[in-house]
Amino acid sequence: TKVAPENLSPPALERSVKESIGRLRLGEIDLLLLHWPNKEVPLKDTIDALVKVKRDGLVRQIGVSNYTVALLQQADRLAERRLVCNQIEMHPYLDQSKVVAACRALDMAVIAYSPIARGGAKHDAVLARIGQSHGKSAAQVCLRYLVQQGIGVIPRTSRVERLTENIDIFDFELSDEDMAQIRALARPDGRIVDWAWSPQWD
């Protein structure tokens, strides 16, 4: 689960974690992420509070979400416990190579949200053509493109048939040429999730 940006002060963060544990009816949270950075709360205060809930046994692993290269490096320096991942918007239309490289340099996993560009990639001609050559859908090509780079993916769906389609991506491999064609789909305006409180993106 995640801590919302309005709950990043130490007392609010701890309260939020305890409320989440109660709602989830668990003894501890497996992975706790800071959902968005908050410029109004000093990062040191937030990271100290995040480390404390791990040290206190409320969570097993800690990480961040929507962190830029500079924020990742700063958070890593401040954290007394390892941050295990950064969850970021990632799909073929958005080049996140700088953030991915920073995560790998810090030994952090990358988790992609909106990996099918909120459904926008399902009818992409390039992805559809590549998918057809493998007997797969454009959405499956999106997911395979990320997984093949060692990225974790968390596609959203409320339809059972989509769940089955989303997991059925481990019986084919994209070629180097496929990967290059998909990589070329990235564009300057490819970001979908962007808010007034977003950090200055890389």
Protein backbone atom coordinates (compact mmCIF):
# COMPACT_ATOMS: atom_id res chain seq x y z
CA THR A 1 0.00 0.00 0.00
CA LYS A 2 1.02 3.66 -0.16
CA VAL A 3 1.13 6.74 2.02
CA ALA A 4 -0.66 9.69 0.42
CA PRO A 5 1.32 12.93 -0.03
CA GLU A 6 -0.75 14.77 2.57
CA ASN A 7 0.36 12.20 5.19
CA LEU A 8 4.13 12.52 4.86
CA SER A 9 4.86 14.33 8.14
CA PRO A 10 6.09 11.79 10.74
CA PRO A 11 2.95 11.66 12.95
CA ALA A 12 0.63 11.47 9.92
CA LEU A 13 2.74 8.81 8.20
CA GLU A 14 2.72 6.51 11.22
CA ARG A 15 -1.02 7.05 11.72
CA SER A 16 -1.65 6.29 8.03
CA VAL A 17 0.36 3.07 8.21
CA LYS A 18 -1.50 1.86 11.30
CA GLU A 19 -4.84 2.66 9.66
CA SER A 20 -3.80 0.71 6.54
CA ILE A 21 -2.81 -2.29 8.65
CA GLY A 22 -6.22 -2.17 10.32
CA ARG A 23 -8.11 -1.91 7.02
CA LEU A 24 -6.05 -4.71 5.46
CA ARG A 25 -6.46 -6.85 8.60
CA LEU A 26 -2.79 -7.74 8.57
CA GLY A 27 -0.07 -7.84 11.20
CA GLU A 28 2.30 -5.93 8.93
CA ILE A 29 2.49 -4.45 5.44
CA ASP A 30 4.70 -6.30 2.95
CA LEU A 31 5.66 -3.20 0.94
CA LEU A 32 4.96 0.43 1.82
CA LEU A 33 5.53 3.20 -0.72
CA LEU A 34 5.48 6.97 -0.50
CA HIS A 35 2.88 7.67 -3.20
CA TRP A 36 4.13 11.11 -4.28
CA PRO A 37 6.81 13.47 -2.98
CA ASN A 38 5.53 16.49 -1.07
CA LYS A 39 7.53 19.73 -1.36
CA GLU A 40 5.87 21.06 1.81
CA VAL A 41 7.37 18.34 4.06
CA PRO A 42 11.17 18.01 4.40
CA LEU A 43 12.26 14.78 2.73
CA LYS A 44 14.47 13.91 5.70
CA ASP A 45 11.44 13.96 8.03
CA THR A 46 9.48 11.70 5.69
CA ILE A 47 12.33 9.23 5.12
CA ASP A 48 13.08 9.08 8.86
CA ALA A 49 9.40 8.28 9.52
CA LEU A 50 9.39 5.67 6.75
CA VAL A 51 12.48 3.98 8.22
CA LYS A 52 10.92 4.09 11.69
CA VAL A 53 7.79 2.16 10.69
CA LYS A 54 10.05 -0.49 9.16
CA ARG A 55 12.28 -0.59 12.23
CA ASP A 56 9.18 -0.88 14.42
CA GLY A 57 8.03 -3.94 12.47
CA LEU A 58 4.94 -2.35 10.91
CA VAL A 59 6.27 -2.93 7.38
CA ARG A 60 8.67 -5.45 5.84
CA GLN A 61 9.99 -3.37 2.92
CA ILE A 62 9.89 0.32 2.02
CA GLY A 63 10.06 2.23 -1.24
CA VAL A 64 8.91 5.28 -3.15
CA SER A 65 6.72 6.18 -6.09
CA ASN A 66 6.99 8.97 -8.68
CA TYR A 67 10.52 9.87 -7.58
CA THR A 68 12.91 11.56 -9.99
CA VAL A 69 16.65 10.85 -10.22
CA ALA A 70 17.52 13.70 -7.83
CA LEU A 71 14.84 12.66 -5.31
CA LEU A 72 15.94 9.02 -5.48
CA GLN A 73 19.55 9.91 -4.77
CA GLN A 74 18.58 12.20 -1.93
CA ALA A 75 16.21 9.64 -0.39
CA ASP A 76 18.84 6.91 -0.66
CA ARG A 77 21.38 9.08 1.19
CA LEU A 78 18.87 9.83 3.95
CA ALA A 79 17.53 6.30 4.45
CA GLU A 80 19.08 4.09 7.11
CA ARG A 81 17.26 1.13 5.58
CA ARG A 82 17.28 0.13 1.92
CA LEU A 83 14.57 1.53 -0.33
CA VAL A 84 13.65 -1.47 -2.47
CA CYS A 85 11.71 0.09 -5.36
CA ASN A 86 10.43 3.12 -7.21
CA GLN A 87 6.99 2.82 -8.80
CA ILE A 88 6.71 5.06 -11.85
CA GLU A 89 4.52 5.65 -14.88
CA MET A 90 6.10 3.58 -17.62
CA HIS A 91 4.89 2.49 -21.05
CA PRO A 92 6.17 2.67 -24.65
CA TYR A 93 5.20 6.34 -25.09
CA LEU A 94 7.29 7.62 -22.16
CA ASP A 95 11.08 7.43 -21.99
CA GLN A 96 11.98 6.69 -18.38
CA SER A 97 15.52 5.47 -19.10
CA LYS A 98 17.17 8.03 -16.80
CA VAL A 99 15.06 7.05 -13.81
CA VAL A 100 15.47 3.33 -14.53
CA ALA A 101 19.25 3.74 -14.72
CA ALA A 102 19.25 5.62 -11.40
CA CYS A 103 17.15 2.90 -9.76
CA ARG A 104 19.51 0.21 -10.98
CA ALA A 105 22.55 2.16 -9.76
CA LEU A 106 20.88 2.22 -6.32
CA ASP A 107 19.88 -1.47 -6.50
CA MET A 108 16.18 -0.58 -6.52
CA ALA A 109 13.52 -2.43 -8.47
CA VAL A 110 11.34 -0.51 -10.92
CA ILE A 111 7.58 -1.09 -10.93
CA ALA A 112 5.60 0.29 -13.88
CA TYR A 113 2.11 1.64 -13.38
CA SER A 114 -0.09 2.45 -16.40
CA PRO A 115 2.03 0.02 -18.47
CA ILE A 116 -0.57 -0.03 -21.27
CA ALA A 117 -0.86 3.80 -21.19
CA ARG A 118 -4.30 3.52 -19.54
CA GLY A 119 -5.51 1.44 -22.45
CA GLY A 120 -4.20 3.89 -25.04
CA ALA A 121 -1.73 1.38 -26.44
CA LYS A 122 -4.30 -1.31 -27.22
CA HIS A 123 -4.94 -0.02 -30.75
CA ASP A 124 -1.42 1.15 -31.61
CA ALA A 125 -0.55 0.01 -35.15
CA VAL A 126 3.12 -0.74 -34.37
CA LEU A 127 2.28 -2.72 -31.24
CA ALA A 128 -0.55 -4.54 -33.02
CA ARG A 129 1.74 -5.54 -35.89
CA ILE A 130 4.43 -6.81 -33.53
CA GLY A 131 1.79 -8.62 -31.52
CA GLN A 132 0.33 -10.26 -34.61
CA SER A 133 3.75 -11.72 -35.45
CA HIS A 134 3.78 -13.40 -32.02
CA GLY A 135 0.09 -14.27 -31.79
CA LYS A 136 -0.38 -11.69 -29.04
CA SER A 137 -2.33 -8.46 -28.49
CA ALA A 138 -0.85 -4.96 -28.49
CA ALA A 139 -1.43 -4.80 -24.72
CA GLN A 140 0.50 -8.02 -24.21
CA VAL A 141 3.37 -6.60 -26.28
CA CYS A 142 3.43 -3.53 -23.97
CA LEU A 143 3.67 -5.71 -20.90
CA ARG A 144 6.26 -8.02 -22.43
CA TYR A 145 8.35 -5.01 -23.52
CA LEU A 146 8.65 -3.90 -19.90
CA VAL A 147 9.04 -7.34 -18.31
CA GLN A 148 11.77 -8.20 -20.79
CA GLN A 149 13.71 -5.21 -19.43
CA GLY A 150 13.39 -6.49 -15.86
CA ILE A 151 10.59 -4.08 -14.97
CA GLY A 152 7.73 -5.19 -12.75
CA VAL A 153 4.30 -4.32 -14.18
CA ILE A 154 0.97 -3.70 -12.44
CA PRO A 155 -1.73 -3.30 -15.11
CA ARG A 156 -5.20 -2.43 -13.82
CA THR A 157 -8.35 -4.18 -14.95
CA SER A 158 -11.74 -5.12 -13.58
CA ARG A 159 -12.39 -7.80 -16.23
CA VAL A 160 -11.43 -11.41 -15.61
CA GLU A 161 -10.57 -12.04 -19.25
CA ARG A 162 -8.11 -9.14 -19.16
CA LEU A 163 -6.43 -10.63 -16.08
CA THR A 164 -5.83 -13.82 -18.05
CA GLU A 165 -4.50 -11.87 -21.03
CA ASN A 166 -2.22 -9.76 -18.84
CA ILE A 167 -0.48 -12.77 -17.30
CA ASP A 168 -0.12 -14.64 -20.59
CA ILE A 169 3.11 -12.90 -21.62
CA PHE A 170 5.78 -15.41 -20.63
CA ASP A 171 5.61 -17.74 -23.62
CA PHE A 172 7.17 -15.41 -26.20
CA GLU A 173 10.12 -13.08 -26.54
CA LEU A 174 10.43 -9.81 -28.41
CA SER A 175 13.36 -9.54 -30.80
CA ASP A 176 15.95 -6.75 -30.64
CA GLU A 177 14.22 -5.22 -33.66
CA ASP A 178 10.83 -5.42 -31.92
CA MET A 179 12.28 -3.75 -28.84
CA ALA A 180 13.85 -0.96 -30.91
CA GLN A 181 10.57 -0.28 -32.74
CA ILE A 182 8.68 -0.07 -29.45
CA ARG A 183 11.34 2.15 -27.88
CA ALA A 184 10.95 4.53 -30.84
CA LEU A 185 7.30 5.17 -29.85
CA ALA A 186 8.40 7.40 -26.94
CA ARG A 187 7.47 11.04 -27.39
CA PRO A 188 7.95 14.29 -25.43
CA ASP A 189 4.24 14.49 -24.51
CA GLY A 190 3.94 10.81 -23.60
CA ARG A 191 3.34 11.31 -19.88
CA ILE A 192 -0.26 10.63 -18.83
CA VAL A 193 -0.12 11.11 -15.05
CA ASP A 194 0.94 14.64 -14.16
CA TRP A 195 -0.43 16.85 -11.40
CA ALA A 196 0.20 20.35 -10.09
CA TRP A 197 2.19 18.82 -7.21
CA SER A 198 4.32 16.60 -9.46
CA PRO A 199 8.09 16.97 -9.16
CA GLN A 200 10.19 18.42 -11.99
CA TRP A 201 10.35 15.33 -14.20
CA ASP A 202 13.62 14.09 -15.69
